[in-house]
Every structure is written in structure tokens, then in C-alpha cells.
């Protein structure tokens, strides 16, 4: 039961759930004439996925499947859940928090969701802590380098409730539908 709950929570950082949901946010931004912001978010998502895939291809060693309890890093470095989550949840939190003063708690809430997802990666023994911290660093750095936060200025044209609803509905939909297992280099991005 506990493992099942943790896996369900962890899935909200999975590229098969979070990737399409984040692309819904990109589309929502473009639809609402926030094309520059949409392009920056799309670029950050693609750059993060590329960095994660390249690092995993370089570091992956198929003969080692387990790591000791005191291991800092594994052959699965970095955590794709943490990297993609840092970009997607961080971006949505920033947009919502800057769109309206009443939505300022959205950023800490998004980061809390990300922290819980990362915690489940540790407790499920999918990654040691160094993989998770590395994923967070990569996602945070890519989001920061994209200039996303600087261009996420307060804007009254963004209706935070509709964006939040679109993102949460997309997360729930893609969590239930789950794209095919072999989608997007599944074994590499995990």
C-alpha cells in the first residue's frame, strides 16, 4: 500500500506524465499571447531532457543494477524526475505566483510537490540522493539560464486559475492514460 502510494506520487515527475502536461502549459501560454514565455519554457524542457539523456547515456553501466546504502550517485545519474520536475513545476509556480498576488503561494506549493516527488525517488530506491540533487541542479540551472523568471513579469492577461486548472487536469489525464512504456527512450529517461 505505502509503496503503491509512493509510486503514484513519483509518477507525477515521470516524463510520460509531466512532459505532455508541461507541453499543455506551453500551448496555453502561446494561446494567451505569451509566445516568448512559451518558447522559453519549451526550450528549457527540451534542453533539460537532452542533458538528462546525454548524461544517462554517458554514465549508464548495465552490469551494475544496485548501489550501496552509502552511495552518493548511481549509474542512473541524474534523476529525470527531479530535473524535468524542477523545470515544469518551477515554471508553473513562477507563472502563477507572478500573475496575481493572491496566487503567490503557488510557487512554494509547486516546490513542495517537487520535493515530495524527489523524496519518493529516494524512498523507492530509484535513485540515491546525489542523483536527485543532480537532477534538481540541472533542471534549476536550465530554467535559470533560459531567462524564464526574468520574462515572467506580472501580467494581468494571464488568468492563473485557468492555467492551474489546465496543468492539473493535464497531469491527471496523462497519469491515467500513461503513454506507452517505450515512449521517449523510457529506460534512458528514468
Protein backbone atom coordinates (compact mmCIF):
# COMPACT_ATOMS: atom_id res chain seq x y z
CA UNK A 1 0.00 0.00 0.00
CA UNK A 2 2.70 2.50 1.03
CA UNK A 3 4.89 1.63 -1.97
CA UNK A 4 1.89 1.95 -4.27
CA UNK A 5 1.13 5.43 -2.93
CA UNK A 6 4.76 6.46 -3.27
CA UNK A 7 4.86 5.16 -6.85
CA UNK A 8 1.70 7.10 -7.69
CA UNK A 9 3.26 10.29 -6.31
CA UNK A 10 6.54 9.59 -8.08
CA UNK A 11 4.70 9.19 -11.38
CA UNK A 12 3.83 12.89 -11.33
CA UNK A 13 7.51 13.50 -12.13
CA UNK A 14 7.62 10.85 -14.86
CA UNK A 15 8.33 12.18 -18.36
CA UNK A 16 5.27 10.34 -19.71
CA UNK A 17 3.04 12.35 -17.37
CA UNK A 18 4.88 15.60 -16.70
CA UNK A 19 6.25 16.09 -20.24
CA UNK A 20 2.88 16.23 -22.01
CA UNK A 21 1.35 18.22 -19.15
CA UNK A 22 4.16 20.78 -19.42
CA UNK A 23 3.59 20.98 -23.17
CA UNK A 24 -0.07 21.76 -22.42
CA UNK A 25 1.23 24.73 -20.39
CA UNK A 26 3.42 25.77 -23.36
CA UNK A 27 0.34 25.64 -25.61
CA UNK A 28 -1.75 27.53 -23.06
CA UNK A 29 0.89 30.29 -22.90
CA UNK A 30 1.09 30.53 -26.69
CA UNK A 31 -2.71 30.61 -26.96
CA UNK A 32 -2.79 33.52 -24.49
CA UNK A 33 -0.23 35.57 -26.48
CA UNK A 34 2.67 34.74 -24.16
CA UNK A 35 4.71 33.28 -27.02
CA UNK A 36 8.10 34.41 -25.71
CA UNK A 37 7.41 32.76 -22.37
CA UNK A 38 6.09 29.65 -24.14
CA UNK A 39 9.25 29.39 -26.24
CA UNK A 40 11.50 29.81 -23.20
CA UNK A 41 9.62 27.09 -21.33
CA UNK A 42 9.65 24.78 -24.34
CA UNK A 43 13.37 25.39 -24.81
CA UNK A 44 14.03 24.70 -21.13
CA UNK A 45 12.05 21.43 -21.28
CA UNK A 46 13.87 20.24 -24.40
CA UNK A 47 17.30 21.30 -23.07
CA UNK A 48 16.66 19.52 -19.77
CA UNK A 49 15.57 16.32 -21.49
CA UNK A 50 18.64 16.43 -23.75
CA UNK A 51 21.07 17.00 -20.87
CA UNK A 52 19.50 14.17 -18.86
CA UNK A 53 19.53 11.74 -21.80
CA UNK A 54 23.14 12.56 -22.72
CA UNK A 55 24.35 12.20 -19.12
CA UNK A 56 22.47 8.93 -18.67
CA UNK A 57 23.91 7.55 -21.90
CA UNK A 58 27.43 8.50 -20.81
CA UNK A 59 27.17 7.28 -17.21
CA UNK A 60 24.90 4.22 -17.55
CA UNK A 61 26.59 0.91 -16.80
CA UNK A 62 24.24 -2.04 -17.36
CA UNK A 63 26.22 -4.52 -15.25
CA UNK A 64 25.62 -2.51 -12.03
CA UNK A 65 21.97 -2.57 -11.00
CA UNK A 66 22.21 -1.86 -7.28
CA UNK A 67 24.17 0.61 -5.24
CA UNK A 68 25.14 0.53 -1.61
CA UNK A 69 23.19 2.47 1.01
CA UNK A 70 26.01 4.98 1.38
CA UNK A 71 26.35 5.62 -2.38
CA UNK A 72 26.05 9.25 -3.41
CA UNK A 73 25.50 8.61 -7.12
CA UNK A 74 24.33 5.67 -9.23
CA UNK A 75 24.70 4.57 -12.81
CA UNK A 76 21.28 6.19 -13.39
CA UNK A 77 22.52 9.75 -12.71
CA UNK A 78 20.77 12.22 -12.87
CA UNK A 79 17.17 11.79 -11.79
CA UNK A 80 14.99 12.70 -14.77
CA UNK A 81 12.01 13.10 -12.45
CA UNK A 82 13.88 15.75 -10.45
CA UNK A 83 15.31 17.56 -13.50
CA UNK A 84 12.09 17.74 -15.51
CA UNK A 85 10.10 18.46 -12.34
CA UNK A 86 12.34 21.40 -11.45
CA UNK A 87 11.64 22.96 -14.84
CA UNK A 88 7.93 22.18 -15.11
CA UNK A 89 6.77 22.71 -11.53
CA UNK A 90 9.16 25.64 -11.09
CA UNK A 91 7.90 27.35 -14.24
CA UNK A 92 4.22 26.84 -13.45
CA UNK A 93 4.77 28.02 -9.89
CA UNK A 94 6.56 31.15 -11.13
CA UNK A 95 3.87 31.97 -13.68
CA UNK A 96 1.06 31.58 -11.17
CA UNK A 97 2.86 33.47 -8.40
CA UNK A 98 3.66 36.43 -10.65
CA UNK A 99 0.29 36.59 -12.40
CA UNK A 100 -1.67 37.66 -9.34
CA UNK A 101 -0.74 38.48 -5.74
CA UNK A 102 -3.37 36.05 -4.47
CA UNK A 103 -1.51 33.23 -6.23
CA UNK A 104 1.89 33.87 -4.60
CA UNK A 105 1.66 30.66 -2.53
CA UNK A 106 1.68 28.73 -5.84
CA UNK A 107 5.48 28.75 -6.10
CA UNK A 108 6.14 27.27 -2.62
CA UNK A 109 3.34 24.75 -3.24
CA UNK A 110 4.87 23.72 -6.58
CA UNK A 111 8.25 23.32 -4.94
CA UNK A 112 6.67 21.25 -2.15
CA UNK A 113 5.11 18.93 -4.75
CA UNK A 114 8.54 18.63 -6.39
CA UNK A 115 10.18 17.88 -3.03
CA UNK A 116 7.66 15.11 -2.31
CA UNK A 117 8.26 13.59 -5.76
CA UNK A 118 12.02 13.70 -5.15
CA UNK A 119 11.57 12.13 -1.72
CA UNK A 120 9.66 9.24 -3.27
CA UNK A 121 12.52 8.66 -5.72
CA UNK A 122 14.77 8.17 -2.68
CA UNK A 123 12.42 6.04 -0.60
CA UNK A 124 11.57 3.79 -3.56
CA UNK A 125 15.33 3.37 -4.07
CA UNK A 126 15.09 4.53 -7.65
CA UNK A 127 17.97 6.95 -7.06
CA UNK A 128 20.43 7.79 -4.28
CA UNK A 129 20.37 11.37 -3.04
CA UNK A 130 23.19 12.58 -5.32
CA UNK A 131 21.18 11.63 -8.41
CA UNK A 132 18.18 13.58 -7.13
CA UNK A 133 20.20 16.65 -6.15
CA UNK A 134 21.98 16.50 -9.51
CA UNK A 135 18.63 16.37 -11.33
CA UNK A 136 17.33 19.34 -9.34
CA UNK A 137 20.53 21.28 -10.10
CA UNK A 138 20.28 20.55 -13.81
CA UNK A 139 16.60 21.49 -14.01
CA UNK A 140 17.08 24.62 -11.92
CA UNK A 141 20.12 25.70 -13.90
CA UNK A 142 18.41 25.20 -17.25
CA UNK A 143 15.32 27.10 -16.09
CA UNK A 144 17.54 29.89 -14.75
CA UNK A 145 19.70 30.05 -17.87
CA UNK A 146 16.62 30.19 -20.09
CA UNK A 147 15.81 33.58 -18.57
CA UNK A 148 12.34 32.28 -17.78
CA UNK A 149 11.98 34.05 -14.44
CA UNK A 150 13.09 37.41 -15.86
CA UNK A 151 10.43 37.23 -18.57
CA UNK A 152 7.76 36.01 -16.20
CA UNK A 153 6.76 39.53 -15.23
CA UNK A 154 3.46 40.33 -13.53
CA UNK A 155 0.84 40.22 -16.25
CA UNK A 156 -2.87 40.74 -15.86
CA UNK A 157 -3.61 38.91 -19.12
CA UNK A 158 -2.67 35.58 -17.51
CA UNK A 159 -5.59 34.12 -15.64
CA UNK A 160 -3.88 31.90 -13.06
CA UNK A 161 -6.94 29.83 -12.24
CA UNK A 162 -7.38 28.67 -15.84
CA UNK A 163 -3.67 27.87 -16.20
CA UNK A 164 -3.62 25.97 -12.90
CA UNK A 165 -6.73 24.04 -13.92
CA UNK A 166 -5.25 23.19 -17.33
CA UNK A 167 -1.98 21.96 -15.76
CA UNK A 168 -3.63 19.88 -13.03
CA UNK A 169 -6.15 18.42 -15.48
CA UNK A 170 -3.34 17.53 -17.89
CA UNK A 171 -1.32 15.90 -15.08
CA UNK A 172 -4.34 13.84 -14.00
CA UNK A 173 -5.22 12.88 -17.58
CA UNK A 174 -1.73 11.78 -18.55
CA UNK A 175 -1.31 9.97 -15.23
CA UNK A 176 -4.40 7.90 -16.00
CA UNK A 177 -3.66 7.41 -19.71
CA UNK A 178 0.07 6.71 -19.30
CA UNK A 179 1.78 6.85 -22.67
CA UNK A 180 3.25 3.55 -23.91
CA UNK A 181 6.24 2.19 -21.98
CA UNK A 182 8.67 2.55 -24.86
CA UNK A 183 7.76 6.20 -25.41
CA UNK A 184 10.60 8.74 -25.30
CA UNK A 185 13.52 6.45 -24.51
CA UNK A 186 11.79 5.27 -21.35
CA UNK A 187 14.71 3.28 -19.98
CA UNK A 188 17.11 6.18 -20.52
CA UNK A 189 14.98 8.96 -19.01
CA UNK A 190 14.15 7.04 -15.86
